[in-house]
């Protein structure tokens, strides 16, 4: 199927001179109006506050899915989650539910580090440098089976940091 609508590959948005425009990630996020597949629509009851609805609809599945489906967390694994905000906390929970033995949360904000321990992290540190030293010690130099990168903004250095924490043959997501 060609890029465009998720179900039929057609384009519903075009420039003024007729150039086809695809959806970013095939969704209409941040748009006032868009055309989406009926399969992508979930009606939210008006009595439900939007913040919890957004958490349930995006943050939790994204974080949990990053740990379980992307990083492939299994029992006994060592997992590092960089960024312990909403998505990171859900990734920590996913790693915990997936049976990870060691879960290291990395966040510069003390409240987030402390909170991460209540969601399943076994260790919490404030920097990647601290995490690198800790994971190296805990794994005898093997490093993490999975790393989930979930800071507010991801830069080139963040990707390098995630890969440096990841053992050979493992996944950074």
N, C-alpha and C. Protein backbone atom coordinates (compact mmCIF):
# COMPACT_ATOMS: atom_id res chain seq x y z
N UNK A 1 0.84 -1.17 0.00
CA UNK A 1 0.00 0.00 0.00
C UNK A 1 0.89 1.24 0.00
N UNK A 2 0.47 2.25 -0.71
CA UNK A 2 1.20 3.52 -0.78
C UNK A 2 0.97 4.34 0.47
N UNK A 3 1.87 5.29 0.75
CA UNK A 3 1.62 6.18 1.89
C UNK A 3 0.35 6.99 1.64
N UNK A 4 -0.32 7.33 2.67
CA UNK A 4 -1.57 8.07 2.57
C UNK A 4 -2.48 7.61 3.67
N UNK A 5 -3.73 7.39 3.37
CA UNK A 5 -4.67 6.90 4.36
C UNK A 5 -4.29 5.48 4.77
N UNK A 6 -4.42 5.16 6.05
CA UNK A 6 -4.00 3.84 6.53
C UNK A 6 -4.75 2.69 5.87
N UNK A 7 -6.00 2.89 5.47
CA UNK A 7 -6.78 1.75 4.99
C UNK A 7 -6.76 1.58 3.48
N UNK A 8 -6.70 2.66 2.71
CA UNK A 8 -6.81 2.50 1.25
C UNK A 8 -5.67 3.12 0.47
N UNK A 9 -4.71 3.77 1.14
CA UNK A 9 -3.55 4.32 0.45
C UNK A 9 -3.81 5.60 -0.32
N UNK A 10 -5.01 6.13 -0.28
CA UNK A 10 -5.30 7.37 -1.00
C UNK A 10 -4.89 8.58 -0.18
N UNK A 11 -4.77 9.71 -0.85
CA UNK A 11 -4.44 10.96 -0.18
C UNK A 11 -5.68 11.84 -0.12
N UNK A 12 -5.94 12.41 1.03
CA UNK A 12 -7.10 13.29 1.20
C UNK A 12 -6.70 14.74 1.36
N UNK A 13 -5.40 15.00 1.51
CA UNK A 13 -4.89 16.36 1.66
C UNK A 13 -3.93 16.64 0.52
N UNK A 14 -4.00 17.86 -0.03
CA UNK A 14 -3.17 18.23 -1.18
C UNK A 14 -2.73 19.69 -1.03
N UNK A 15 -1.61 20.02 -1.64
CA UNK A 15 -1.19 21.42 -1.69
C UNK A 15 -2.07 22.14 -2.71
N UNK A 16 -1.96 23.46 -2.75
CA UNK A 16 -2.75 24.24 -3.71
C UNK A 16 -2.45 23.88 -5.15
N UNK A 17 -1.21 23.41 -5.41
CA UNK A 17 -0.88 23.01 -6.78
C UNK A 17 -1.06 21.51 -7.02
N UNK A 18 -1.76 20.82 -6.11
CA UNK A 18 -2.15 19.43 -6.33
C UNK A 18 -1.20 18.37 -5.82
N UNK A 19 -0.11 18.74 -5.14
CA UNK A 19 0.82 17.75 -4.60
C UNK A 19 0.18 17.02 -3.42
N UNK A 20 0.27 15.68 -3.42
CA UNK A 20 -0.31 14.89 -2.35
C UNK A 20 0.43 15.12 -1.03
N UNK A 21 -0.31 15.22 0.05
CA UNK A 21 0.26 15.35 1.38
C UNK A 21 -0.21 14.17 2.22
N UNK A 22 0.72 13.44 2.81
CA UNK A 22 0.36 12.32 3.68
C UNK A 22 0.24 12.78 5.12
N UNK A 23 -0.41 11.99 5.94
CA UNK A 23 -0.51 12.26 7.37
C UNK A 23 0.82 11.92 8.02
N UNK A 24 1.23 12.68 9.03
CA UNK A 24 2.40 12.31 9.81
C UNK A 24 2.01 11.08 10.63
N UNK A 25 2.73 10.00 10.46
CA UNK A 25 2.44 8.74 11.14
C UNK A 25 1.01 8.26 10.87
N UNK A 26 0.46 8.73 9.79
CA UNK A 26 -0.89 8.36 9.35
C UNK A 26 -1.97 8.72 10.38
N UNK A 27 -1.72 9.79 11.12
CA UNK A 27 -2.72 10.31 12.05
C UNK A 27 -2.87 11.81 11.83
N UNK A 28 -3.85 12.41 12.43
CA UNK A 28 -4.09 13.84 12.27
C UNK A 28 -3.82 14.63 13.52
N UNK A 29 -2.83 14.23 14.31
CA UNK A 29 -2.54 14.91 15.56
C UNK A 29 -2.21 16.37 15.30
N UNK A 30 -2.65 17.23 16.19
CA UNK A 30 -2.42 18.66 16.15
C UNK A 30 -3.16 19.37 15.02
N UNK A 31 -4.04 18.70 14.34
CA UNK A 31 -4.82 19.33 13.28
C UNK A 31 -6.20 19.73 13.81
N UNK A 32 -6.68 20.87 13.34
CA UNK A 32 -8.04 21.26 13.72
C UNK A 32 -9.07 20.37 13.04
N UNK A 33 -8.77 19.97 11.80
CA UNK A 33 -9.64 19.08 11.03
C UNK A 33 -8.76 18.11 10.25
N UNK A 34 -9.23 16.89 10.10
CA UNK A 34 -8.49 15.91 9.31
C UNK A 34 -9.43 14.81 8.86
N UNK A 35 -8.96 13.98 7.97
CA UNK A 35 -9.70 12.81 7.53
C UNK A 35 -8.92 11.60 8.02
N UNK A 36 -9.57 10.73 8.78
CA UNK A 36 -8.93 9.53 9.28
C UNK A 36 -9.83 8.33 9.02
N UNK A 37 -9.24 7.17 9.07
CA UNK A 37 -10.00 5.94 8.93
C UNK A 37 -10.94 5.78 10.12
N UNK A 38 -12.10 5.23 9.88
CA UNK A 38 -13.05 4.96 10.96
C UNK A 38 -12.41 4.03 11.99
N UNK A 39 -11.43 3.22 11.57
CA UNK A 39 -10.75 2.31 12.49
C UNK A 39 -9.85 3.05 13.48
N UNK A 40 -9.57 4.32 13.21
CA UNK A 40 -8.71 5.11 14.09
C UNK A 40 -9.49 5.98 15.06
N UNK A 41 -10.78 5.88 15.04
CA UNK A 41 -11.62 6.77 15.85
C UNK A 41 -12.13 6.04 17.09
N UNK A 42 -11.98 6.69 18.21
CA UNK A 42 -12.54 6.19 19.46
C UNK A 42 -13.32 7.34 20.08
N UNK A 43 -14.60 7.14 20.30
CA UNK A 43 -15.41 8.18 20.91
C UNK A 43 -15.13 8.20 22.42
N UNK A 44 -14.85 9.40 22.93
CA UNK A 44 -14.58 9.57 24.34
C UNK A 44 -15.82 10.17 24.97
N UNK A 45 -16.33 9.51 25.99
CA UNK A 45 -17.51 10.02 26.70
C UNK A 45 -17.23 11.42 27.21
N UNK A 46 -18.14 12.35 26.98
CA UNK A 46 -17.93 13.74 27.36
C UNK A 46 -17.77 13.93 28.87
N UNK A 47 -18.23 12.98 29.66
CA UNK A 47 -18.09 13.12 31.12
C UNK A 47 -16.68 12.78 31.60
N UNK A 48 -15.87 12.17 30.73
CA UNK A 48 -14.51 11.80 31.11
C UNK A 48 -13.57 12.98 30.90
N UNK A 49 -12.84 13.39 31.94
CA UNK A 49 -11.89 14.50 31.78
C UNK A 49 -10.83 14.15 30.72
N UNK A 50 -10.41 15.15 29.94
CA UNK A 50 -9.50 14.90 28.83
C UNK A 50 -8.10 14.46 29.26
N UNK A 51 -7.58 14.92 30.37
CA UNK A 51 -6.22 14.53 30.78
C UNK A 51 -6.14 13.02 31.05
N UNK A 52 -7.04 12.45 31.87
CA UNK A 52 -6.97 10.99 32.04
C UNK A 52 -7.24 10.24 30.74
N UNK A 53 -8.12 10.79 29.90
CA UNK A 53 -8.39 10.13 28.61
C UNK A 53 -7.14 10.10 27.75
N UNK A 54 -6.39 11.21 27.73
CA UNK A 54 -5.16 11.26 26.95
C UNK A 54 -4.13 10.28 27.49
N UNK A 55 -4.03 10.19 28.81
CA UNK A 55 -3.09 9.23 29.40
C UNK A 55 -3.43 7.80 28.99
N UNK A 56 -4.71 7.47 29.06
CA UNK A 56 -5.13 6.12 28.72
C UNK A 56 -5.02 5.84 27.23
N UNK A 57 -5.21 6.86 26.42
CA UNK A 57 -5.23 6.66 24.98
C UNK A 57 -3.85 6.72 24.34
N UNK A 58 -2.91 7.41 24.97
CA UNK A 58 -1.61 7.61 24.32
C UNK A 58 -0.43 7.23 25.22
N UNK A 59 -0.30 7.90 26.33
CA UNK A 59 0.89 7.77 27.17
C UNK A 59 1.12 6.33 27.64
N UNK A 60 0.11 5.73 28.19
CA UNK A 60 0.28 4.38 28.76
C UNK A 60 0.55 3.35 27.66
N UNK A 61 -0.24 3.31 26.59
CA UNK A 61 0.10 2.32 25.55
C UNK A 61 1.45 2.56 24.90
N UNK A 62 1.86 3.82 24.75
CA UNK A 62 3.16 4.12 24.14
C UNK A 62 4.29 3.63 25.02
N UNK A 63 4.27 3.96 26.30
CA UNK A 63 5.33 3.53 27.21
C UNK A 63 5.36 2.03 27.41
N UNK A 64 4.21 1.47 27.73
CA UNK A 64 4.10 0.02 27.95
C UNK A 64 4.53 -0.72 26.69
N UNK A 65 4.03 -0.26 25.54
CA UNK A 65 4.37 -0.90 24.26
C UNK A 65 5.85 -0.81 23.94
N UNK A 66 6.47 0.31 24.30
CA UNK A 66 7.91 0.46 24.07
C UNK A 66 8.70 -0.59 24.84
N UNK A 67 8.29 -0.85 26.06
CA UNK A 67 9.00 -1.84 26.88
C UNK A 67 8.70 -3.27 26.41
N UNK A 68 7.43 -3.58 26.28
CA UNK A 68 7.03 -4.96 25.98
C UNK A 68 7.24 -5.33 24.51
N UNK A 69 6.78 -4.47 23.60
CA UNK A 69 6.82 -4.84 22.18
C UNK A 69 8.10 -4.41 21.47
N UNK A 70 8.60 -3.22 21.75
CA UNK A 70 9.81 -2.76 21.07
C UNK A 70 11.06 -3.33 21.73
N UNK A 71 11.20 -3.13 23.03
CA UNK A 71 12.39 -3.64 23.73
C UNK A 71 12.29 -5.14 23.99
N UNK A 72 11.10 -5.70 23.92
CA UNK A 72 10.92 -7.14 24.09
C UNK A 72 11.28 -7.65 25.47
N UNK A 73 10.92 -6.90 26.50
CA UNK A 73 11.28 -7.27 27.88
C UNK A 73 10.77 -8.67 28.22
N UNK A 74 11.67 -9.45 28.84
CA UNK A 74 11.34 -10.80 29.30
C UNK A 74 11.79 -10.95 30.74
N UNK A 75 11.35 -12.01 31.37
CA UNK A 75 11.72 -12.27 32.75
C UNK A 75 13.23 -12.30 32.94
N UNK A 76 13.69 -11.60 33.98
CA UNK A 76 15.10 -11.57 34.30
C UNK A 76 15.91 -10.50 33.61
N UNK A 77 15.32 -9.76 32.68
CA UNK A 77 16.04 -8.74 31.93
C UNK A 77 16.47 -7.56 32.79
N UNK A 78 17.45 -6.85 32.27
CA UNK A 78 17.86 -5.56 32.81
C UNK A 78 17.37 -4.50 31.83
N UNK A 79 16.61 -3.54 32.34
CA UNK A 79 16.01 -2.51 31.49
C UNK A 79 16.36 -1.14 32.04
N UNK A 80 16.67 -0.21 31.14
CA UNK A 80 16.91 1.18 31.52
C UNK A 80 15.85 2.03 30.82
N UNK A 81 15.21 2.91 31.58
CA UNK A 81 14.24 3.84 31.03
C UNK A 81 14.78 5.24 31.25
N UNK A 82 15.08 5.93 30.16
CA UNK A 82 15.60 7.29 30.23
C UNK A 82 14.44 8.26 30.06
N UNK A 83 14.12 8.97 31.13
CA UNK A 83 12.97 9.87 31.14
C UNK A 83 11.83 9.21 31.89
N UNK A 84 11.52 9.70 33.09
CA UNK A 84 10.49 9.06 33.92
C UNK A 84 9.24 9.92 34.03
N UNK A 85 8.85 10.53 32.91
CA UNK A 85 7.58 11.24 32.86
C UNK A 85 6.46 10.24 32.61
N UNK A 86 5.41 10.65 31.96
CA UNK A 86 4.27 9.76 31.73
C UNK A 86 4.61 8.54 30.91
N UNK A 87 5.23 8.72 29.75
CA UNK A 87 5.58 7.60 28.89
C UNK A 87 6.64 6.72 29.57
N UNK A 88 7.64 7.35 30.18
CA UNK A 88 8.67 6.59 30.88
C UNK A 88 8.12 5.76 32.03
N UNK A 89 7.20 6.36 32.78
CA UNK A 89 6.59 5.62 33.90
C UNK A 89 5.81 4.41 33.39
N UNK A 90 5.11 4.59 32.27
CA UNK A 90 4.39 3.45 31.67
C UNK A 90 5.38 2.40 31.17
N UNK A 91 6.54 2.82 30.67
CA UNK A 91 7.56 1.86 30.24
C UNK A 91 8.13 1.10 31.45
N UNK A 92 8.31 1.81 32.55
CA UNK A 92 8.77 1.17 33.78
C UNK A 92 7.75 0.11 34.22
N UNK A 93 6.47 0.47 34.18
CA UNK A 93 5.43 -0.50 34.54
C UNK A 93 5.44 -1.68 33.58
N UNK A 94 5.62 -1.42 32.29
CA UNK A 94 5.68 -2.50 31.31
C UNK A 94 6.84 -3.43 31.58
N UNK A 95 8.01 -2.85 31.89
CA UNK A 95 9.18 -3.68 32.20
C UNK A 95 8.93 -4.52 33.45
N UNK A 96 8.29 -3.91 34.45
CA UNK A 96 7.97 -4.63 35.69
C UNK A 96 6.98 -5.77 35.41
N UNK A 97 5.93 -5.48 34.68
CA UNK A 97 4.93 -6.50 34.34
C UNK A 97 5.57 -7.59 33.48
N UNK A 98 6.50 -7.20 32.61
CA UNK A 98 7.19 -8.16 31.75
C UNK A 98 8.20 -9.04 32.48
N UNK A 99 8.46 -8.74 33.75
CA UNK A 99 9.32 -9.59 34.56
C UNK A 99 10.78 -9.17 34.64
N UNK A 100 11.09 -7.95 34.23
CA UNK A 100 12.48 -7.50 34.31
C UNK A 100 12.97 -7.58 35.76
N UNK A 101 14.19 -8.03 35.95
CA UNK A 101 14.76 -8.17 37.29
C UNK A 101 15.35 -6.84 37.77
N UNK A 102 15.92 -6.10 36.84
CA UNK A 102 16.53 -4.81 37.16
C UNK A 102 15.91 -3.77 36.24
N UNK A 103 15.38 -2.71 36.84
CA UNK A 103 14.78 -1.62 36.07
C UNK A 103 15.39 -0.32 36.61
N UNK A 104 16.16 0.35 35.76
CA UNK A 104 16.82 1.59 36.16
C UNK A 104 16.10 2.76 35.50
N UNK A 105 15.57 3.65 36.32
CA UNK A 105 14.94 4.88 35.83
C UNK A 105 15.98 5.99 35.86
N UNK A 106 16.04 6.77 34.79
CA UNK A 106 16.99 7.87 34.69
C UNK A 106 16.20 9.16 34.46
N UNK A 107 16.31 10.09 35.39
CA UNK A 107 15.63 11.38 35.23
C UNK A 107 16.31 12.40 36.15
N UNK A 108 16.52 13.63 35.66
CA UNK A 108 17.16 14.64 36.51
C UNK A 108 16.24 15.20 37.59
N UNK A 109 14.93 14.94 37.47
CA UNK A 109 13.97 15.49 38.43
C UNK A 109 13.78 14.51 39.59
N UNK A 110 14.09 14.97 40.80
CA UNK A 110 14.05 14.09 41.97
C UNK A 110 12.68 13.46 42.18
N UNK A 111 11.61 14.23 42.04
CA UNK A 111 10.26 13.71 42.23
C UNK A 111 9.99 12.53 41.28
N UNK A 112 10.40 12.66 40.03
CA UNK A 112 10.17 11.59 39.06
C UNK A 112 10.99 10.34 39.42
N UNK A 113 12.22 10.56 39.86
CA UNK A 113 13.04 9.41 40.27
C UNK A 113 12.40 8.68 41.44
N UNK A 114 11.99 9.44 42.45
CA UNK A 114 11.37 8.85 43.64
C UNK A 114 10.07 8.13 43.26
N UNK A 115 9.26 8.77 42.43
CA UNK A 115 7.99 8.16 42.00
C UNK A 115 8.21 6.89 41.20
N UNK A 116 9.27 6.85 40.39
CA UNK A 116 9.52 5.68 39.54
C UNK A 116 9.70 4.41 40.35
N UNK A 117 10.22 4.55 41.57
CA UNK A 117 10.41 3.39 42.43
C UNK A 117 9.08 2.77 42.84
N UNK A 118 8.04 3.59 42.93
CA UNK A 118 6.71 3.10 43.26
C UNK A 118 6.00 2.44 42.08
N UNK A 119 6.54 2.66 40.87
CA UNK A 119 5.93 2.08 39.67
C UNK A 119 6.68 0.86 39.16
N UNK A 120 7.74 0.45 39.87
CA UNK A 120 8.44 -0.77 39.49
C UNK A 120 9.92 -0.64 39.26
N UNK A 121 10.45 0.58 39.22
CA UNK A 121 11.90 0.72 39.05
C UNK A 121 12.60 0.16 40.29
N UNK A 122 13.70 -0.53 40.06
CA UNK A 122 14.48 -1.05 41.18
C UNK A 122 15.59 -0.08 41.58
N UNK A 123 15.95 0.80 40.66
CA UNK A 123 16.99 1.80 40.90
C UNK A 123 16.56 3.08 40.18
N UNK A 124 16.99 4.23 40.72
CA UNK A 124 16.70 5.51 40.07
C UNK A 124 17.91 6.41 40.20
N UNK A 125 18.36 6.95 39.07
CA UNK A 125 19.53 7.82 39.03
C UNK A 125 19.20 9.08 38.25
N UNK A 126 20.05 10.09 38.43
CA UNK A 126 19.75 11.39 37.83
C UNK A 126 20.39 11.61 36.46
N UNK A 127 21.32 10.77 36.06
CA UNK A 127 22.00 11.01 34.78
C UNK A 127 22.35 9.70 34.07
N UNK A 128 22.60 9.81 32.79
CA UNK A 128 23.02 8.65 32.01
C UNK A 128 24.39 8.17 32.49
N UNK A 129 25.24 9.09 32.90
CA UNK A 129 26.55 8.71 33.41
C UNK A 129 26.41 7.81 34.65
N UNK A 130 25.53 8.20 35.56
CA UNK A 130 25.28 7.37 36.74
C UNK A 130 24.69 6.02 36.34
N UNK A 131 23.76 6.05 35.38
CA UNK A 131 23.12 4.81 34.92
C UNK A 131 24.15 3.89 34.28
N UNK A 132 25.05 4.45 33.51
CA UNK A 132 26.07 3.63 32.84
C UNK A 132 26.93 2.90 33.86
N UNK A 133 27.38 3.63 34.85
CA UNK A 133 28.21 3.02 35.90
C UNK A 133 27.43 1.95 36.66
N UNK A 134 26.18 2.27 37.03
CA UNK A 134 25.35 1.32 37.78
C UNK A 134 25.07 0.07 36.98
N UNK A 135 24.63 0.23 35.73
CA UNK A 135 24.29 -0.93 34.89
C UNK A 135 25.53 -1.76 34.61
N UNK A 136 26.66 -1.11 34.40
CA UNK A 136 27.90 -1.85 34.18
C UNK A 136 28.22 -2.72 35.41
N UNK A 137 28.04 -2.14 36.61
CA UNK A 137 28.30 -2.89 37.84
C UNK A 137 27.29 -4.02 38.03
N UNK A 138 26.01 -3.73 37.81
CA UNK A 138 24.96 -4.73 38.04
C UNK A 138 25.01 -5.89 37.06
N UNK A 139 25.48 -5.64 35.84
CA UNK A 139 25.48 -6.68 34.80
C UNK A 139 26.88 -7.23 34.51
N UNK A 140 27.85 -6.82 35.32
CA UNK A 140 29.25 -7.24 35.13
C UNK A 140 29.75 -6.89 33.73
N UNK A 141 29.34 -5.70 33.28
CA UNK A 141 29.81 -5.18 32.00
C UNK A 141 29.00 -5.56 30.78
N UNK A 142 27.98 -6.40 30.96
CA UNK A 142 27.19 -6.84 29.81
C UNK A 142 26.27 -5.73 29.30
N UNK A 143 25.74 -4.92 30.17
CA UNK A 143 24.83 -3.79 29.91
C UNK A 143 23.39 -4.27 29.76
N UNK A 144 22.47 -3.36 29.40
CA UNK A 144 21.03 -3.61 29.48
C UNK A 144 20.50 -4.44 28.32
N UNK A 145 19.48 -5.23 28.63
CA UNK A 145 18.78 -6.02 27.61
C UNK A 145 17.83 -5.16 26.80
N UNK A 146 17.38 -4.07 27.40
CA UNK A 146 16.49 -3.15 26.71
C UNK A 146 16.62 -1.75 27.29
N UNK A 147 16.60 -0.76 26.42
CA UNK A 147 16.64 0.64 26.85
C UNK A 147 15.47 1.35 26.18
N UNK A 148 14.67 2.05 26.98
CA UNK A 148 13.55 2.84 26.45
C UNK A 148 13.92 4.30 26.63
N UNK A 149 13.91 5.03 25.55
CA UNK A 149 14.26 6.44 25.55
C UNK A 149 12.97 7.26 25.50
N UNK A 150 12.70 7.98 26.60
CA UNK A 150 11.43 8.74 26.65
C UNK A 150 11.56 10.12 27.29
N UNK A 151 12.63 10.88 26.96
CA UNK A 151 12.67 12.25 27.48
C UNK A 151 11.72 13.14 26.69
N UNK A 152 11.52 14.37 27.16
CA UNK A 152 10.60 15.29 26.47
C UNK A 152 11.06 15.55 25.04
N UNK A 153 12.35 15.74 24.84
CA UNK A 153 12.92 15.93 23.51
C UNK A 153 14.06 14.95 23.33
N UNK A 154 14.12 14.32 22.16
CA UNK A 154 15.18 13.35 21.88
C UNK A 154 16.15 13.97 20.88
N UNK A 155 17.40 14.02 21.27
CA UNK A 155 18.44 14.53 20.38
C UNK A 155 19.44 13.46 20.04
N UNK A 156 20.40 13.82 19.20
CA UNK A 156 21.43 12.87 18.76
C UNK A 156 22.21 12.29 19.94
N UNK A 157 22.52 13.14 20.91
CA UNK A 157 23.25 12.66 22.09
C UNK A 157 22.44 11.65 22.89
N UNK A 158 21.11 11.84 22.94
CA UNK A 158 20.24 10.91 23.67
C UNK A 158 20.28 9.53 23.03
N UNK A 159 20.29 9.49 21.71
CA UNK A 159 20.34 8.20 21.01
C UNK A 159 21.68 7.52 21.28
N UNK A 160 22.74 8.29 21.24
CA UNK A 160 24.06 7.74 21.57
C UNK A 160 24.07 7.17 22.99
N UNK A 161 23.49 7.94 23.95
CA UNK A 161 23.44 7.49 25.34
C UNK A 161 22.67 6.18 25.47
N UNK A 162 21.52 6.09 24.80
CA UNK A 162 20.71 4.87 24.88
C UNK A 162 21.48 3.68 24.32
N UNK A 163 22.14 3.88 23.20
CA UNK A 163 22.89 2.77 22.60
C UNK A 163 24.08 2.37 23.46
N UNK A 164 24.69 3.33 24.16
CA UNK A 164 25.84 2.98 25.00
C UNK A 164 25.43 2.16 26.22
N UNK A 165 24.15 2.23 26.61
CA UNK A 165 23.65 1.44 27.72
C UNK A 165 23.15 0.05 27.29
N UNK A 166 23.06 -0.17 26.00
CA UNK A 166 22.45 -1.38 25.45
C UNK A 166 23.50 -2.45 25.16
N UNK A 167 23.27 -3.66 25.63
CA UNK A 167 24.21 -4.75 25.37
C UNK A 167 24.18 -5.14 23.89
N UNK A 168 25.16 -5.88 23.44
CA UNK A 168 25.20 -6.35 22.06
C UNK A 168 23.97 -7.22 21.79
N UNK A 169 23.33 -6.99 20.68
CA UNK A 169 22.18 -7.79 20.26
C UNK A 169 20.88 -7.41 20.94
N UNK A 170 20.89 -6.37 21.77
CA UNK A 170 19.66 -5.95 22.48
C UNK A 170 19.03 -4.77 21.74
N UNK A 171 17.98 -4.22 22.33
CA UNK A 171 17.19 -3.19 21.66
C UNK A 171 17.12 -1.91 22.47
N UNK A 172 17.33 -0.79 21.79
CA UNK A 172 17.06 0.53 22.35
C UNK A 172 15.88 1.07 21.56
N UNK A 173 14.85 1.51 22.27
CA UNK A 173 13.67 2.02 21.56
C UNK A 173 13.30 3.39 22.06
